[in-house]
Amino acid sequence: MRFQPGYLTATPGALEALEDAKQSPMEFVQRHLACDWGEVCDEDKAENELSIKEGFRILSAYRTNKGVRLWIITEADRSSTTILLPEEY
């Protein structure tokens, strides 16, 4: 693991989307921790790589089986990682 996730949390909207899709939050957290950034542009992928080295915020984006977009954000201080819907940001 190239970075620590800290405390794992999820917003109500993200939990509802995951339940509707019958998917586990850990499916997406594991991808995030494996540096599979999902559906982010090349610039954001490069930013995530820099963020790991420099201690900045890390953002991944995925879609559930139902097509609902999820973000996973690990805070710069690595105190927490949150799964949320983009509109909940």
C-alpha atoms as a PDB file:
ATOM      1  CA  MET A   1       0.000   0.000   0.000  1.00  0.00           C
ATOM      2  CA  ARG A   2       1.499   3.327  -1.073  1.00  0.00           C
ATOM      3  CA  PHE A   3      -0.574   5.444   1.319  1.00  0.00           C
ATOM      4  CA  GLN A   4      -2.650   4.977   4.459  1.00  0.00           C
ATOM      5  CA  PRO A   5      -6.418   5.526   4.189  1.00  0.00           C
ATOM      6  CA  GLY A   6      -7.024   6.567   7.785  1.00  0.00           C
ATOM      7  CA  TYR A   7     -10.586   6.260   9.051  1.00  0.00           C
ATOM      8  CA  LEU A   8     -13.014   4.992   6.366  1.00  0.00           C
ATOM      9  CA  THR A   9     -16.345   6.779   5.989  1.00  0.00           C
ATOM     10  CA  ALA A  10     -19.161   6.964   3.452  1.00  0.00           C
ATOM     11  CA  THR A  11     -21.951   9.450   2.950  1.00  0.00           C
ATOM     12  CA  PRO A  12     -25.615   8.395   3.054  1.00  0.00           C
ATOM     13  CA  GLY A  13     -25.963   8.958  -0.696  1.00  0.00           C
ATOM     14  CA  ALA A  14     -22.953   6.779  -1.479  1.00  0.00           C
ATOM     15  CA  LEU A  15     -24.181   4.005   0.819  1.00  0.00           C
ATOM     16  CA  GLU A  16     -27.603   4.097  -0.834  1.00  0.00           C
ATOM     17  CA  ALA A  17     -26.042   3.910  -4.322  1.00  0.00           C
ATOM     18  CA  LEU A  18     -23.838   0.988  -3.286  1.00  0.00           C
ATOM     19  CA  GLU A  19     -26.772  -0.850  -1.717  1.00  0.00           C
ATOM     20  CA  ASP A  20     -28.888  -0.279  -4.838  1.00  0.00           C
ATOM     21  CA  ALA A  21     -26.049  -1.672  -6.998  1.00  0.00           C
ATOM     22  CA  LYS A  22     -25.478  -4.559  -4.550  1.00  0.00           C
ATOM     23  CA  GLN A  23     -21.802  -3.655  -4.294  1.00  0.00           C
ATOM     24  CA  SER A  24     -19.505  -3.405  -1.307  1.00  0.00           C
ATOM     25  CA  PRO A  25     -17.766  -0.144  -0.413  1.00  0.00           C
ATOM     26  CA  MET A  26     -14.550  -2.149   0.020  1.00  0.00           C
ATOM     27  CA  GLU A  27     -14.590  -3.063  -3.692  1.00  0.00           C
ATOM     28  CA  PHE A  28     -13.932   0.584  -4.479  1.00  0.00           C
ATOM     29  CA  VAL A  29     -11.688   1.316  -1.489  1.00  0.00           C
ATOM     30  CA  GLN A  30      -9.398  -1.552  -2.500  1.00  0.00           C
ATOM     31  CA  ARG A  31      -9.100  -0.126  -6.026  1.00  0.00           C
ATOM     32  CA  HIS A  32      -8.344   3.323  -4.598  1.00  0.00           C
ATOM     33  CA  LEU A  33      -5.653   1.936  -2.284  1.00  0.00           C
ATOM     34  CA  ALA A  34      -4.158  -0.021  -5.201  1.00  0.00           C
ATOM     35  CA  CYS A  35      -3.759   3.312  -7.074  1.00  0.00           C
ATOM     36  CA  ASP A  36      -6.414   2.382  -9.649  1.00  0.00           C
ATOM     37  CA  TRP A  37      -7.852   5.877  -9.872  1.00  0.00           C
ATOM     38  CA  GLY A  38     -10.833   4.845 -11.986  1.00  0.00           C
ATOM     39  CA  GLU A  39     -12.435   7.418 -14.261  1.00  0.00           C
ATOM     40  CA  VAL A  40     -10.162  10.411 -13.760  1.00  0.00           C
ATOM     41  CA  CYS A  41      -8.282  12.205 -16.532  1.00  0.00           C
ATOM     42  CA  ASP A  42      -4.557  11.717 -17.078  1.00  0.00           C
ATOM     43  CA  GLU A  43      -3.821  15.056 -15.409  1.00  0.00           C
ATOM     44  CA  ASP A  44      -5.670  13.961 -12.254  1.00  0.00           C
ATOM     45  CA  LYS A  45      -3.869  10.597 -12.292  1.00  0.00           C
ATOM     46  CA  ALA A  46      -0.547  12.444 -12.377  1.00  0.00           C
ATOM     47  CA  GLU A  47      -1.772  14.733  -9.589  1.00  0.00           C
ATOM     48  CA  ASN A  48      -2.633  11.682  -7.468  1.00  0.00           C
ATOM     49  CA  GLU A  49       0.867  10.280  -7.964  1.00  0.00           C
ATOM     50  CA  LEU A  50       2.341  13.612  -6.864  1.00  0.00           C
ATOM     51  CA  SER A  51      -0.106  13.727  -3.953  1.00  0.00           C
ATOM     52  CA  ILE A  52       1.119  10.378  -2.663  1.00  0.00           C
ATOM     53  CA  LYS A  53       4.705  11.672  -2.601  1.00  0.00           C
ATOM     54  CA  GLU A  54       3.959  15.166  -1.302  1.00  0.00           C
ATOM     55  CA  GLY A  55       1.109  14.440   1.108  1.00  0.00           C
ATOM     56  CA  PHE A  56      -1.780  16.103  -0.746  1.00  0.00           C
ATOM     57  CA  ARG A  57      -5.396  14.985  -1.136  1.00  0.00           C
ATOM     58  CA  ILE A  58      -6.044  11.925  -3.357  1.00  0.00           C
ATOM     59  CA  LEU A  59      -9.183  11.577  -5.511  1.00  0.00           C
ATOM     60  CA  SER A  60     -10.536   8.555  -7.397  1.00  0.00           C
ATOM     61  CA  ALA A  61     -13.769   8.300  -9.393  1.00  0.00           C
ATOM     62  CA  TYR A  62     -15.746   5.160 -10.179  1.00  0.00           C
ATOM     63  CA  ARG A  63     -19.191   4.050 -11.313  1.00  0.00           C
ATOM     64  CA  THR A  64     -21.395   1.472  -9.665  1.00  0.00           C
ATOM     65  CA  ASN A  65     -22.977  -1.327 -11.678  1.00  0.00           C
ATOM     66  CA  LYS A  66     -26.005   0.967 -11.983  1.00  0.00           C
ATOM     67  CA  GLY A  67     -23.909   3.782 -13.456  1.00  0.00           C
ATOM     68  CA  VAL A  68     -23.916   6.031 -10.383  1.00  0.00           C
ATOM     69  CA  ARG A  69     -20.678   7.999 -10.078  1.00  0.00           C
ATOM     70  CA  LEU A  70     -18.746   7.717  -6.807  1.00  0.00           C
ATOM     71  CA  TRP A  71     -15.758   9.654  -5.595  1.00  0.00           C
ATOM     72  CA  ILE A  72     -13.260   8.443  -3.037  1.00  0.00           C
ATOM     73  CA  ILE A  73     -11.185  11.109  -1.353  1.00  0.00           C
ATOM     74  CA  THR A  74      -8.268  10.519   1.003  1.00  0.00           C
ATOM     75  CA  GLU A  75      -7.450  13.633   2.983  1.00  0.00           C
ATOM     76  CA  ALA A  76      -4.014  15.208   2.741  1.00  0.00           C
ATOM     77  CA  ASP A  77      -3.171  14.326   6.341  1.00  0.00           C
ATOM     78  CA  ARG A  78      -4.286  10.699   5.680  1.00  0.00           C
ATOM     79  CA  SER A  79      -6.683  10.912   8.631  1.00  0.00           C
ATOM     80  CA  SER A  80      -9.655   9.674   6.612  1.00  0.00           C
ATOM     81  CA  THR A  81     -10.926   8.355   3.304  1.00  0.00           C
ATOM     82  CA  THR A  82     -14.507   9.072   2.293  1.00  0.00           C
ATOM     83  CA  ILE A  83     -16.774   7.536  -0.344  1.00  0.00           C
ATOM     84  CA  LEU A  84     -19.296  10.078  -1.599  1.00  0.00           C
ATOM     85  CA  LEU A  85     -21.395  11.153  -4.542  1.00  0.00           C
ATOM     86  CA  PRO A  86     -19.917  14.131  -6.427  1.00  0.00           C
ATOM     87  CA  GLU A  87     -22.961  16.253  -5.559  1.00  0.00           C
ATOM     88  CA  GLU A  88     -22.300  15.606  -1.853  1.00  0.00           C
ATOM     89  CA  TYR A  89     -18.855  17.248  -2.040  1.00  0.00           C
END
